[in-house]
Amino acid sequence: MKASDKKIKREEPLSVELMIATVSQNDDSVLDRMHVQSDAVVINQGSPFQWQEFRQDDHLIRFLCCEELGIGLSRNTALMRARGDICLFADDDLVYRDGYVEKIGRAFQEHPDADVIVFNIQSIGARKRRYQIPKPKRIHWYNFERYGAARIAVRRTSIFQHHISFSLLFGGGAQYPCGEDTLFLRDCLKAGLKIYAVPITLADVDDSTSSWFSGYDEKFLMGRGALYRAMYPRLALFWSFIYLLRHKKVWQESSFIGALRSMRRGIRDYTTHGGEYVKEERVSCGSIS
């Protein structure tokens, strides 16, 4: 058989779509500031309610303004409207580097069994630098807690098939200030999805300020305790103790016992109040399919 007679199977490139969560944008200039180079769904928390579809540099942009609050809700709202093969979660303070679409596509081609891939983001500013992935590795139960949502890219079909979404109780604008990304990865692991981390940098972010972190105060510690209650119902106090042992800076301006008491209050608060919303939250997660 001649080589010309053989059918050559060409692998179609994976389409990448940004899931951007933002607040109080008056126009679409956020796209230029972020250096967006792909299709995107933008969820803008603000009024009035408005839906727009337009093209920018030949990329389809779908822009929704709504008055609902909560970063988890914004990410879920974007996911429900996603069309791309790969969905990359994004915050409005990121500035993407040239070629991020190709980098993401190549990473999924090199890890064909991956449902989720976590990437690097480079910190700029005075605050502590973000953890940098040094080499490719598999994410398991013992190492999934250090990655924020803006690092995470997912195969849309994998997430939909397993009814996975973000918690509405955790994250900016929610009852507890952070942790929605950790719970998302936890749910991916529980569903049996395969998660990889790769040392590829997609974007830069100015970490000199934070929209949700105001110090290791009562709100932060209670939120952290509530997060451990959500992740480890029977071992929440134990993991709170371990967390404080590993992160002395959290309580160095107060006391270890005082910080542990604050985390315990968070555990109790989630048990008493957070649990009231767990059933409703799970129903809403199931609607994303």
Protein backbone atom coordinates (compact mmCIF):
# COMPACT_ATOMS: atom_id res chain seq x y z
CA MET A 1 0.00 0.00 0.00
CA LYS A 2 1.29 3.39 -0.94
CA ALA A 3 1.82 5.92 1.78
CA SER A 4 -0.52 8.27 -0.08
CA ASP A 5 -3.28 5.66 0.19
CA LYS A 6 -3.09 5.51 3.97
CA LYS A 7 -5.61 7.49 5.94
CA ILE A 8 -3.85 9.88 8.22
CA LYS A 9 -5.80 10.58 11.37
CA ARG A 10 -5.28 14.17 12.48
CA GLU A 11 -6.03 15.06 16.05
CA GLU A 12 -8.27 18.07 16.28
CA PRO A 13 -6.91 20.82 18.58
CA LEU A 14 -8.80 21.22 21.84
CA SER A 15 -10.78 24.44 22.16
CA VAL A 16 -10.03 26.48 25.30
CA GLU A 17 -12.52 28.82 26.95
CA LEU A 18 -11.91 31.16 29.88
CA MET A 19 -14.41 31.22 32.77
CA ILE A 20 -13.87 34.76 34.09
CA ALA A 21 -15.34 35.87 37.43
CA THR A 22 -15.32 39.62 38.03
CA VAL A 23 -17.16 42.39 39.87
CA SER A 24 -18.54 45.85 39.01
CA GLN A 25 -17.20 46.12 35.46
CA ASN A 26 -18.72 49.01 33.51
CA ASP A 27 -17.45 47.83 30.11
CA ASP A 28 -15.47 45.05 28.48
CA SER A 29 -12.03 46.62 29.03
CA VAL A 30 -11.25 43.82 31.49
CA LEU A 31 -10.60 41.61 28.45
CA ASP A 32 -7.76 43.84 27.28
CA ARG A 33 -6.30 44.18 30.78
CA MET A 34 -6.25 40.40 31.13
CA HIS A 35 -4.80 39.94 27.63
CA VAL A 36 -7.50 37.42 26.73
CA GLN A 37 -6.60 35.34 23.63
CA SER A 38 -9.44 32.82 23.52
CA ASP A 39 -13.19 32.46 23.78
CA ALA A 40 -14.50 33.47 27.20
CA VAL A 41 -17.55 33.54 29.42
CA VAL A 42 -17.46 36.60 31.69
CA ILE A 43 -19.65 36.70 34.80
CA ASN A 44 -19.78 40.23 36.14
CA GLN A 45 -21.41 40.66 39.55
CA GLY A 46 -23.19 43.97 39.30
CA SER A 47 -26.31 45.66 37.97
CA PRO A 48 -28.24 45.98 35.80
CA PHE A 49 -28.86 42.46 34.50
CA GLN A 50 -27.48 42.20 30.98
CA TRP A 51 -26.36 39.53 28.50
CA GLN A 52 -24.14 40.26 25.52
CA GLU A 53 -22.41 38.18 22.88
CA PHE A 54 -19.72 39.69 20.68
CA ARG A 55 -16.42 38.90 19.02
CA GLN A 56 -13.06 40.31 19.98
CA ASP A 57 -10.07 39.43 17.80
CA ASP A 58 -12.19 36.62 16.31
CA HIS A 59 -12.88 35.14 19.78
CA LEU A 60 -16.45 34.65 21.02
CA ILE A 61 -17.06 36.59 24.23
CA ARG A 62 -20.24 36.03 26.22
CA PHE A 63 -20.72 38.65 28.94
CA LEU A 64 -23.33 38.30 31.70
CA CYS A 65 -24.02 40.97 34.32
CA CYS A 66 -26.03 39.79 37.34
CA GLU A 67 -26.63 40.98 40.89
CA GLU A 68 -25.92 37.65 42.60
CA LEU A 69 -22.98 37.41 45.00
CA GLY A 70 -20.32 34.76 45.58
CA ILE A 71 -17.30 33.61 43.60
CA GLY A 72 -18.52 30.00 43.60
CA LEU A 73 -21.83 31.07 42.11
CA SER A 74 -20.04 33.07 39.41
CA ARG A 75 -17.86 30.11 38.45
CA ASN A 76 -20.87 27.79 38.33
CA THR A 77 -22.82 30.30 36.23
CA ALA A 78 -19.93 30.41 33.77
CA LEU A 79 -19.64 26.61 33.70
CA MET A 80 -23.32 26.21 32.85
CA ARG A 81 -22.70 28.29 29.72
CA ALA A 82 -19.36 26.72 28.76
CA ARG A 83 -18.81 25.35 25.26
CA GLY A 84 -15.07 24.81 25.06
CA ASP A 85 -13.42 21.40 25.33
CA ILE A 86 -11.21 22.81 28.09
CA CYS A 87 -12.46 25.36 30.63
CA LEU A 88 -9.88 27.50 32.44
CA PHE A 89 -11.10 29.35 35.53
CA ALA A 90 -9.95 32.95 35.74
CA ASP A 91 -9.97 35.98 38.04
CA ASP A 92 -9.92 39.54 36.75
CA ASP A 93 -6.50 40.39 38.25
CA LEU A 94 -4.66 37.94 36.01
CA VAL A 95 -2.65 38.99 32.96
CA TYR A 96 -2.28 36.06 30.59
CA ARG A 97 0.94 35.39 28.73
CA ASP A 98 1.09 34.95 24.98
CA GLY A 99 0.30 31.44 23.80
CA TYR A 100 -1.58 30.21 26.87
CA VAL A 101 -4.15 28.46 24.66
CA GLU A 102 -1.46 26.40 22.91
CA LYS A 103 0.23 25.61 26.24
CA ILE A 104 -3.00 24.29 27.71
CA GLY A 105 -3.82 22.25 24.63
CA ARG A 106 -0.34 20.75 24.55
CA ALA A 107 -0.52 19.83 28.25
CA PHE A 108 -3.78 17.91 27.75
CA GLN A 109 -2.35 16.18 24.67
CA GLU A 110 0.67 15.09 26.70
CA HIS A 111 -1.66 13.83 29.47
CA PRO A 112 -4.52 12.29 27.46
CA ASP A 113 -6.03 10.66 30.55
CA ALA A 114 -6.17 13.94 32.49
CA ASP A 115 -9.56 15.31 33.47
CA VAL A 116 -8.04 18.26 35.33
CA ILE A 117 -4.65 19.96 34.97
CA VAL A 118 -3.25 22.54 37.38
CA PHE A 119 -0.81 25.17 36.07
CA ASN A 120 1.51 27.81 37.52
CA ILE A 121 0.72 31.48 38.05
CA GLN A 122 3.59 33.91 38.64
CA SER A 123 3.18 36.31 41.57
CA ILE A 124 4.11 39.98 41.32
CA GLY A 125 4.11 42.19 44.41
CA ALA A 126 5.03 42.27 48.08
CA ARG A 127 2.94 39.45 49.50
CA LYS A 128 4.13 35.87 49.79
CA ARG A 129 4.74 34.27 46.41
CA ARG A 130 2.46 31.51 45.27
CA TYR A 131 3.59 27.92 45.25
CA GLN A 132 5.31 27.00 41.99
CA ILE A 133 4.96 23.51 40.56
CA PRO A 134 8.57 22.32 40.02
CA LYS A 135 7.88 19.29 37.80
CA PRO A 136 4.97 17.31 36.33
CA LYS A 137 3.17 15.18 38.89
CA ARG A 138 -0.11 13.51 39.72
CA ILE A 139 -2.38 15.16 42.27
CA HIS A 140 -3.66 12.87 45.02
CA TRP A 141 -5.44 13.17 48.35
CA TYR A 142 -2.26 14.08 50.16
CA ASN A 143 -1.27 17.06 47.96
CA PHE A 144 -4.40 18.70 46.54
CA GLU A 145 -4.92 21.58 48.98
CA ARG A 146 -2.44 24.18 47.70
CA TYR A 147 -3.94 25.17 44.36
CA GLY A 148 -6.26 28.11 43.68
CA ALA A 149 -9.07 28.03 41.13
CA ALA A 150 -7.31 30.33 38.66
CA ARG A 151 -4.68 27.59 38.11
CA ILE A 152 -7.26 24.96 37.23
CA ALA A 153 -8.23 23.81 33.73
CA VAL A 154 -10.82 21.06 33.29
CA ARG A 155 -12.27 18.90 30.56
CA ARG A 156 -15.82 20.22 30.38
CA THR A 157 -17.38 16.82 29.68
CA SER A 158 -15.64 15.22 32.68
CA ILE A 159 -17.00 17.88 35.04
CA PHE A 160 -20.51 17.72 33.59
CA GLN A 161 -20.69 13.93 33.58
CA HIS A 162 -19.83 13.81 37.29
CA HIS A 163 -22.02 16.80 38.29
CA ILE A 164 -19.12 18.67 39.88
CA SER A 165 -19.35 22.38 40.65
CA PHE A 166 -18.12 24.95 43.17
CA SER A 167 -19.43 25.23 46.70
CA LEU A 168 -21.76 28.16 47.32
CA LEU A 169 -20.72 28.34 50.97
CA PHE A 170 -17.02 29.07 50.48
CA GLY A 171 -15.06 31.77 48.66
CA GLY A 172 -15.29 35.53 48.25
CA GLY A 173 -18.82 36.85 48.80
CA ALA A 174 -19.96 33.62 50.48
CA GLN A 175 -20.49 32.60 54.09
CA TYR A 176 -16.85 31.54 54.52
CA PRO A 177 -14.10 33.60 52.83
CA CYS A 178 -12.05 30.93 51.03
CA GLY A 179 -11.81 27.25 50.18
CA GLU A 180 -14.15 26.79 47.22
CA ASP A 181 -11.21 25.77 45.01
CA THR A 182 -9.99 23.19 47.52
CA LEU A 183 -13.45 21.65 47.78
CA PHE A 184 -13.72 21.59 43.98
CA LEU A 185 -10.53 19.54 43.66
CA ARG A 186 -11.68 17.35 46.57
CA ASP A 187 -14.89 16.59 44.69
CA CYS A 188 -12.91 15.80 41.53
CA LEU A 189 -10.83 13.28 43.48
CA LYS A 190 -13.94 11.78 45.09
CA ALA A 191 -15.43 11.29 41.63
CA GLY A 192 -12.31 9.42 40.51
CA LEU A 193 -11.12 12.08 38.07
CA LYS A 194 -7.43 12.19 37.22
CA ILE A 195 -5.64 15.41 38.16
CA TYR A 196 -2.15 16.45 37.07
CA ALA A 197 0.05 19.45 37.89
CA VAL A 198 2.51 20.79 35.31
CA PRO A 199 5.28 23.45 35.60
CA ILE A 200 3.82 25.68 32.89
CA THR A 201 3.13 29.33 33.69
CA LEU A 202 -0.02 30.76 32.09
CA ALA A 203 -0.36 34.18 33.68
CA ASP A 204 1.00 36.80 36.05
CA VAL A 205 -0.90 38.27 38.99
CA ASP A 206 -0.30 41.26 41.25
CA ASP A 207 -0.35 39.81 44.76
CA SER A 208 0.45 43.07 46.57
CA THR A 209 -3.20 43.27 47.62
CA SER A 210 -6.02 40.78 48.08
CA SER A 211 -9.77 41.14 47.63
CA TRP A 212 -10.55 38.63 50.38
CA PHE A 213 -7.49 38.23 52.65
CA SER A 214 -7.22 40.89 55.37
CA GLY A 215 -4.97 39.01 57.78
CA TYR A 216 -5.14 35.99 60.05
CA ASP A 217 -8.14 37.32 61.93
CA GLU A 218 -11.20 35.68 63.45
CA LYS A 219 -12.99 35.55 60.10
CA PHE A 220 -10.06 33.79 58.42
CA LEU A 221 -9.61 31.25 61.22
CA MET A 222 -13.32 30.47 61.48
CA GLY A 223 -13.46 30.02 57.73
CA ARG A 224 -10.51 27.66 57.82
CA GLY A 225 -12.12 25.63 60.59
CA ALA A 226 -15.36 25.44 58.60
CA LEU A 227 -13.39 24.26 55.55
CA TYR A 228 -11.86 21.38 57.52
CA ARG A 229 -15.32 20.49 58.82
CA ALA A 230 -16.56 20.33 55.23
CA MET A 231 -13.58 18.24 54.04
CA TYR A 232 -13.00 16.02 57.07
CA PRO A 233 -16.24 15.88 59.10
CA ARG A 234 -14.90 13.62 61.87
CA LEU A 235 -11.33 14.92 61.90
CA ALA A 236 -11.88 18.67 61.54
CA LEU A 237 -10.39 19.59 64.92
CA PHE A 238 -7.40 17.29 64.36
CA TRP A 239 -6.61 18.90 60.98
CA SER A 240 -7.08 22.35 62.48
CA PHE A 241 -4.45 21.45 65.08
CA ILE A 242 -2.08 20.18 62.35
CA TYR A 243 -2.67 23.32 60.27
CA LEU A 244 -1.64 25.58 63.15
CA LEU A 245 1.44 23.48 63.87
CA ARG A 246 2.53 23.85 60.24
CA HIS A 247 1.72 27.56 59.94
CA LYS A 248 3.03 29.36 63.00
CA LYS A 249 2.64 32.76 61.34
CA VAL A 250 -1.13 32.31 61.62
CA TRP A 251 -1.06 32.62 65.39
CA GLN A 252 2.25 34.34 66.16
CA GLU A 253 0.53 37.65 66.90
CA SER A 254 -2.01 36.00 69.21
CA SER A 255 -1.65 32.48 70.59
CA PHE A 256 -1.89 28.89 69.45
CA ILE A 257 -4.80 28.15 71.80
CA GLY A 258 -6.66 31.31 70.77
CA ALA A 259 -6.30 30.45 67.09
CA LEU A 260 -7.44 26.87 67.70
CA ARG A 261 -10.51 28.15 69.54
CA SER A 262 -11.37 30.39 66.59
CA MET A 263 -11.07 27.46 64.19
CA ARG A 264 -13.22 25.38 66.53
CA ARG A 265 -15.89 28.09 66.42
CA GLY A 266 -15.77 27.81 62.64
CA ILE A 267 -16.23 24.04 62.88
CA ARG A 268 -19.26 24.52 65.12
CA ASP A 269 -20.66 27.27 62.91
CA TYR A 270 -20.47 25.07 59.82
CA THR A 271 -22.02 22.17 61.71
CA THR A 272 -24.88 24.36 62.90
CA HIS A 273 -25.47 26.70 59.97
CA GLY A 274 -23.51 25.45 56.98
CA GLY A 275 -25.21 22.09 57.14
CA GLU A 276 -28.57 23.77 56.58
CA TYR A 277 -27.53 24.55 53.02
CA VAL A 278 -25.72 21.35 52.15
CA LYS A 279 -28.77 19.61 50.67
CA GLU A 280 -29.74 22.64 48.61
CA GLU A 281 -26.15 23.04 47.43
CA ARG A 282 -25.97 19.44 46.26
CA VAL A 283 -29.22 19.78 44.35
CA SER A 284 -27.88 22.85 42.55
CA CYS A 285 -24.65 21.02 41.74
CA GLY A 286 -26.64 18.24 40.12
CA SER A 287 -28.38 20.71 37.82
CA ILE A 288 -25.10 21.43 36.00
CA SER A 289 -25.09 18.69 33.42
